[in-house]
Protein backbone atom coordinates (compact mmCIF):
# COMPACT_ATOMS: atom_id res chain seq x y z
CA MET A 1 12.30 -13.69 -5.15
CA GLY A 2 9.25 -15.15 -6.23
CA ILE A 3 8.38 -16.26 -10.17
CA VAL A 4 4.80 -15.92 -11.23
CA LYS A 5 3.73 -19.26 -12.94
CA ALA A 6 0.13 -18.58 -13.71
CA VAL A 7 -1.88 -15.89 -13.12
CA CYS A 8 -6.22 -17.51 -12.91
CA ILE A 9 -9.68 -16.15 -12.93
CA SER A 10 -12.83 -16.90 -12.80
CA GLU A 11 -16.05 -14.76 -13.90
CA GLN A 12 -18.31 -17.42 -11.55
CA LYS A 13 -18.13 -18.41 -8.62
CA GLY A 14 -18.16 -21.99 -7.80
CA THR A 15 -16.62 -22.48 -11.25
CA ALA A 16 -12.66 -23.73 -12.21
CA LYS A 17 -10.17 -20.63 -12.06
CA GLN A 18 -8.44 -20.77 -15.53
CA ASN A 19 -4.88 -19.60 -16.02
CA ILE A 20 -4.86 -16.50 -17.97
CA GLY A 21 -1.31 -15.26 -19.13
CA LYS A 22 -1.89 -12.16 -17.94
CA CYS A 23 -4.63 -9.31 -15.31
CA LYS A 24 -5.29 -6.41 -13.94
CA LEU A 25 -5.23 -5.49 -10.46
CA ILE A 26 -7.64 -3.06 -9.28
CA GLU A 27 -6.56 -1.60 -6.46
CA ASN A 28 -9.20 -2.17 -3.63
CA TRP A 29 -10.24 -4.82 -5.73
CA GLY A 30 -8.79 -7.79 -7.05
CA LEU A 31 -7.79 -8.74 -10.49
CA GLU A 32 -10.05 -7.87 -13.17
CA LYS A 33 -13.63 -9.78 -14.04
CA ASP A 34 -12.76 -13.07 -11.47
CA ALA A 35 -16.09 -14.10 -9.19
CA HIS A 36 -14.00 -13.08 -6.33
CA ALA A 37 -12.90 -9.56 -6.22
CA GLY A 38 -14.82 -6.91 -3.77
CA TYR A 39 -14.03 -4.52 -1.23
CA TRP A 40 -13.09 -7.38 1.25
CA HIS A 41 -9.77 -8.51 3.13
CA ARG A 42 -9.76 -11.54 0.18
CA GLN A 43 -9.10 -9.97 -2.89
CA VAL A 44 -6.29 -12.40 -3.94
CA SER A 45 -5.53 -15.57 -3.43
CA LEU A 46 -1.54 -16.85 -3.78
CA LEU A 47 -0.42 -20.05 -3.49
CA SER A 48 2.92 -22.60 -3.72
CA TYR A 49 4.08 -23.67 -6.98
CA GLU A 50 6.13 -26.26 -4.75
CA ALA A 51 3.31 -26.42 -2.93
CA VAL A 52 1.02 -27.48 -5.52
CA GLU A 53 4.31 -29.47 -7.88
CA ALA A 54 4.33 -31.85 -4.32
CA PHE A 55 0.51 -32.66 -4.27
CA LYS A 56 0.73 -33.02 -7.98
CA ALA A 57 3.34 -35.59 -7.09
CA ARG A 58 1.13 -38.11 -4.95
CA GLY A 59 -0.57 -38.50 -8.34
CA ALA A 60 -2.87 -36.08 -8.24
CA LYS A 61 -3.18 -34.73 -11.86
CA VAL A 62 -4.41 -31.10 -11.27
CA GLU A 63 -4.22 -28.02 -14.04
CA ASP A 64 -3.70 -24.44 -12.44
CA GLY A 65 -6.56 -21.89 -10.53
CA ALA A 66 -7.79 -25.82 -9.92
CA PHE A 67 -7.41 -24.75 -5.70
CA GLY A 68 -9.26 -21.43 -6.44
CA GLU A 69 -5.21 -19.63 -6.30
CA ASN A 70 -5.18 -15.88 -8.36
CA LEU A 71 -1.26 -16.54 -8.15
CA LEU A 72 0.52 -19.50 -8.57
CA VAL A 73 3.92 -18.52 -7.77
CA GLU A 74 7.44 -19.90 -7.77
CA GLY A 75 9.17 -19.86 -4.46
CA TYR A 76 8.02 -18.24 -1.25
CA ASP A 77 5.97 -20.62 1.30
CA PHE A 78 3.18 -18.19 1.59
CA LYS A 79 2.34 -19.68 5.15
CA THR A 80 5.48 -19.01 6.76
CA LEU A 81 5.29 -15.13 5.82
CA PRO A 82 3.33 -13.19 8.41
CA ILE A 83 0.42 -10.85 8.43
CA GLY A 84 0.37 -7.90 7.43
CA THR A 85 3.72 -9.05 4.84
CA ILE A 86 3.76 -7.06 1.56
CA PHE A 87 4.73 -8.07 -2.35
CA LYS A 88 5.14 -6.38 -5.51
CA CYS A 89 5.57 -7.08 -8.57
CA GLY A 90 5.54 -4.42 -10.91
CA ASP A 91 3.19 -1.65 -10.58
CA VAL A 92 1.15 -3.59 -8.31
CA VAL A 93 1.38 -3.99 -4.75
CA LEU A 94 -0.48 -6.65 -2.45
CA GLU A 95 -0.75 -6.93 1.08
CA LEU A 96 -1.09 -9.90 3.05
CA THR A 97 -4.43 -10.52 5.42
CA GLN A 98 -5.19 -13.66 5.96
CA ILE A 99 -3.36 -17.34 6.15
CA GLY A 100 -5.44 -20.14 4.94
CA LYS A 101 -9.01 -20.32 5.46
CA LYS A 102 -11.71 -22.94 6.07
CA CYS A 103 -13.31 -25.37 3.49
CA HIS A 104 -17.39 -25.30 4.26
CA THR A 105 -17.84 -27.65 1.97
CA GLU A 106 -15.50 -29.62 -0.20
CA CYS A 107 -14.88 -29.11 -3.22
CA GLU A 108 -14.36 -30.96 -5.91
CA ILE A 109 -10.12 -31.34 -5.58
CA HIS A 110 -11.22 -33.30 -2.41
CA LYS A 111 -13.67 -35.58 -3.94
CA MET A 112 -11.06 -36.18 -6.44
CA VAL A 113 -8.14 -37.14 -4.43
CA GLY A 114 -9.92 -36.51 -1.11
CA ASP A 115 -7.57 -34.02 -0.06
CA CYS A 116 -7.10 -29.86 -1.14
CA ILE A 117 -4.61 -27.62 -0.58
CA MET A 118 -6.12 -24.18 -0.34
CA PRO A 119 -7.03 -24.29 3.43
CA ARG A 120 -3.74 -24.73 4.41
CA GLU A 121 -1.05 -23.85 2.07
CA GLY A 122 -3.14 -20.31 0.56
CA VAL A 123 -2.56 -16.89 1.44
CA PHE A 124 -4.97 -14.06 0.40
CA ALA A 125 -4.30 -10.07 -0.17
CA ILE A 126 -5.80 -7.21 -0.70
CA VAL A 127 -4.69 -5.02 -3.57
CA LEU A 128 -2.80 -1.76 -2.56
CA ARG A 129 -2.06 -1.20 -5.74
CA GLY A 130 -2.69 -1.73 -9.54
CA GLY A 131 -1.36 -2.99 -12.03
CA GLU A 132 -1.08 -5.50 -14.29
CA ILE A 133 0.79 -9.29 -13.78
CA SER A 134 2.01 -11.93 -16.53
CA VAL A 135 3.32 -15.09 -16.37
CA GLY A 136 6.90 -14.84 -15.52
CA ASP A 137 6.90 -11.23 -13.43
CA GLU A 138 9.30 -11.13 -9.98
CA LEU A 139 6.99 -11.07 -7.28
CA THR A 140 9.27 -9.55 -4.16
CA VAL A 141 8.73 -8.81 -0.52
CA ALA A 142 9.18 -5.41 0.47
CA GLU A 143 11.21 -5.03 2.56
CA LYS A 144 10.85 -2.70 5.43
CA ASN A 145 13.00 0.75 6.24
CA GLY A 146 12.70 0.53 9.53
CA TYR A 147 10.91 4.14 9.72
CA SER A 148 7.42 5.12 9.87
CA ALA A 149 5.13 7.26 9.46
CA ALA A 150 1.75 8.94 9.28
CA VAL A 151 -1.22 9.97 7.40
CA ILE A 152 -3.71 13.02 8.36
CA THR A 153 -6.46 15.02 5.38
CA ALA A 154 -7.57 17.95 6.50
CA SER A 155 -11.08 18.49 5.30
CA ASP A 156 -14.23 19.71 7.03
CA LYS A 157 -16.20 17.70 4.93
CA GLY A 158 -14.27 15.12 5.39
CA SER A 159 -13.87 15.16 9.25
CA GLN A 160 -17.82 15.01 9.69
CA GLY A 161 -18.45 11.86 7.51
CA GLU A 162 -19.27 14.52 4.25
CA ARG A 163 -17.45 13.03 1.86
CA GLU A 164 -14.78 9.82 1.70
CA ASP A 165 -11.32 10.08 2.16
CA LYS A 166 -9.68 8.10 -0.09
CA SER A 167 -6.54 10.22 -0.34
CA GLY A 168 -5.46 9.60 2.53
CA PRO A 169 -5.42 5.51 2.45
CA ALA A 170 -3.73 6.67 -0.47
CA VAL A 171 -1.14 8.25 1.14
CA ALA A 172 -0.98 5.16 3.53
CA ALA A 173 -1.33 2.03 0.41
CA THR A 174 2.29 3.97 -1.00
CA LEU A 175 3.90 3.95 1.63
CA LYS A 176 3.51 0.65 2.54
CA GLY A 177 4.89 -0.27 -0.57
CA TYR A 178 8.43 2.00 0.34
CA GLY A 179 8.38 0.11 3.39
CA TYR A 180 6.86 2.78 5.46
CA ASP A 181 5.46 1.35 8.93
CA VAL A 182 2.52 3.14 9.09
CA LYS A 183 1.21 3.63 12.36
CA SER A 184 -2.02 6.62 11.44
CA ILE A 185 -4.00 7.95 8.84
CA SER A 186 -6.05 10.38 10.12
CA VAL A 187 -9.22 12.48 9.19
CA ILE A 188 -9.30 16.22 10.36
CA PRO A 189 -10.92 19.69 10.09
CA ASP A 190 -9.25 22.14 7.99
CA ASP A 191 -8.69 24.56 11.08
CA GLU A 192 -5.04 25.60 11.54
CA GLU A 193 -5.18 25.00 15.25
CA THR A 194 -6.34 21.14 15.21
CA ILE A 195 -3.74 20.10 12.50
CA TYR A 196 -0.54 22.27 14.68
CA ARG A 197 -2.36 20.19 17.58
CA GLU A 198 -2.42 16.50 15.57
CA LEU A 199 0.96 17.35 14.16
CA LEU A 200 2.84 17.53 17.53
CA LYS A 201 1.28 14.81 18.64
CA LEU A 202 2.86 12.40 16.25
CA VAL A 203 6.64 13.74 16.72
CA ASP A 204 6.51 14.90 20.30
CA GLU A 205 4.22 12.24 21.91
CA GLU A 206 4.04 9.04 19.50
CA GLN A 207 8.04 10.03 18.09
CA VAL A 208 6.60 9.25 14.09
CA ASP A 209 9.17 9.94 11.85
CA LEU A 210 7.63 10.93 8.85
CA VAL A 211 3.94 12.23 8.83
CA PHE A 212 2.55 13.03 5.27
CA THR A 213 -0.87 15.85 4.52
CA THR A 214 -3.12 16.49 2.18
CA GLY A 215 -5.56 18.93 1.40
CA GLY A 216 -5.78 22.63 2.99
CA THR A 217 -2.71 23.72 0.59
CA GLY A 218 -5.00 25.72 -2.08
CA PHE A 219 -6.08 28.97 -1.79
CA SER A 220 -9.27 28.30 0.08
CA PRO A 221 -9.68 30.79 3.32
CA ARG A 222 -10.09 27.33 5.01
CA ASP A 223 -6.62 25.72 3.33
CA ASN A 224 -4.55 26.45 6.76
CA THR A 225 -2.88 23.40 6.53
CA PRO A 226 1.02 25.04 5.33
CA GLU A 227 0.16 27.56 7.85
CA ALA A 228 0.17 24.87 11.12
CA THR A 229 2.67 23.42 9.20
CA LEU A 230 5.21 26.04 9.79
CA ARG A 231 4.35 26.01 13.25
CA ALA A 232 5.09 22.85 13.41
CA ALA A 233 8.69 23.52 12.47
CA THR A 234 11.90 23.69 13.47
CA LYS A 235 13.82 24.47 10.43
CA ASN A 236 13.10 24.64 7.19
CA VAL A 237 12.66 22.01 4.55
CA PRO A 238 12.31 23.89 1.18
CA GLY A 239 13.72 21.48 -1.36
CA ILE A 240 11.33 18.58 -1.26
CA ALA A 241 7.93 20.32 -2.19
CA GLU A 242 9.44 22.58 -4.33
CA ALA A 243 10.56 19.51 -6.20
CA ILE A 244 7.09 17.81 -5.56
CA ARG A 245 6.24 20.97 -7.11
CA TYR A 246 8.50 21.04 -10.22
CA ASN A 247 7.20 17.63 -10.87
CA SER A 248 3.60 18.56 -10.74
CA LEU A 249 4.18 21.55 -13.12
CA GLN A 250 5.19 18.45 -15.94
CA ILE A 251 1.47 17.15 -15.14
CA THR A 252 -0.44 20.43 -14.85
CA SER A 253 0.25 24.56 -14.89
CA ARG A 254 -2.60 24.49 -11.63
CA ALA A 255 0.87 22.92 -9.61
CA MET A 256 1.65 26.56 -9.42
CA LEU A 257 -1.48 27.29 -6.83
CA SER A 258 -0.57 24.85 -4.42
CA ARG A 259 1.39 26.65 -1.03
CA ALA A 260 2.66 23.63 0.21
CA VAL A 261 5.35 23.21 2.56
CA SER A 262 8.09 20.60 3.71
CA VAL A 263 9.90 21.08 7.21
CA MET A 264 11.67 18.94 10.64
CA ARG A 265 10.79 19.08 13.27
CA GLY A 266 13.55 17.77 15.78
CA GLN A 267 14.39 14.28 13.74
CA SER A 268 10.84 13.82 12.20
CA LEU A 269 9.70 15.36 8.79
CA ILE A 270 6.29 17.15 7.56
CA ILE A 271 5.68 16.78 4.05
CA ASN A 272 2.34 18.69 2.94
CA LEU A 273 0.51 17.27 0.19
CA PRO A 274 -2.10 18.07 -2.42
CA GLY A 275 -5.40 16.36 -2.06
CA SER A 276 -6.92 14.23 -4.57
CA PRO A 277 -5.76 10.38 -5.07
CA LYS A 278 -3.91 10.57 -8.28
CA ALA A 279 -1.83 13.58 -7.46
CA VAL A 280 -0.94 12.09 -4.10
CA LYS A 281 0.62 8.90 -6.05
CA GLU A 282 2.34 11.15 -8.55
CA CYS A 283 4.08 13.52 -6.00
CA LEU A 284 5.39 10.06 -3.37
CA ASP A 285 6.45 7.39 -6.71
CA TYR A 286 8.72 10.67 -7.24
CA VAL A 287 10.15 12.26 -3.74
CA LEU A 288 9.56 8.70 -2.35
CA PRO A 289 13.10 6.99 -4.05
CA VAL A 290 15.17 9.62 -3.15
CA LEU A 291 13.75 10.74 0.43
CA GLY A 292 16.12 6.88 2.19
CA HIS A 293 18.64 8.70 2.82
CA GLY A 294 17.62 11.97 3.69
CA MET A 295 15.94 10.13 6.38
CA GLY A 296 19.00 8.64 7.03
CA ILE A 297 21.05 11.59 7.93
CA LEU A 298 18.23 13.08 9.87
CA THR A 299 17.82 10.51 11.93
CA GLY A 300 21.24 9.69 13.02
CA ARG A 301 20.41 5.61 11.57
CA GLU A 302 23.18 6.02 8.98
CA GLY A 303 25.71 6.10 11.75
CA GLU A 304 24.32 5.40 15.07
CA CYS A 305 21.72 3.24 16.07
CA GLY A 306 18.13 4.49 18.37
CA ARG A 307 16.29 7.04 17.24
CA ARG A 308 16.23 9.23 19.78
């Protein structure tokens, strides 16, 4: 477990970051008002508090944010963690994307004391889920739960590149935050046969433990996801879909129009979700905390090793 010691931003590039105590992190962007936020792989920079203290012990006088770090954290040697590590801090979920960096010009710290620790000690991450981080918050590494997952978005326009799929990545980001190993995200047409074949490929050939679908669960003639899912089923698991509908009904009465289903296929679970990013997050945050026990029984992992 780590403790956040500083939350730093700079509103202009080329200027030192300042510790502002707390800040909102925006999904797939970075810290609000930070000049280095954006749609890229280095949205948030993290640095070890211990590394900075060791640097100070050499006689350097540096303030929080001097190395360009957004989050100064006590308790982790970040450079030893693998790419793909998931961090959680309250509602915020981060994914480690880069360790260290190459400095093309010497920074002010390097000019002052002849060294800078950010290139070798600093790491970078993207924001999978936003929220607020404050000094004193706990930052933890999300433990892998051992289950693989895949996401299918059923969308004619999305599969043809006419509409950006936001619900599929939202599902994947939430699953990663809960420790699932997301194997794939696909966007396919709203066609029953196509959806059915994709489900069989993921479960039978790729042996994915958990498959979530988004979209195609309403009243439109092209909403075929539940029919394809039921064709793929070996057993029905109605309670999950019913629980999701119940939770959604607390938010909107239109949830009663959902035809989503949840089923088993062998030792894998397939669950239909709605098509909006906001709705899928609400559904997943409701169902995932209690899904682990069922997955353990279904896959036989709670009493024995091996998937099948």
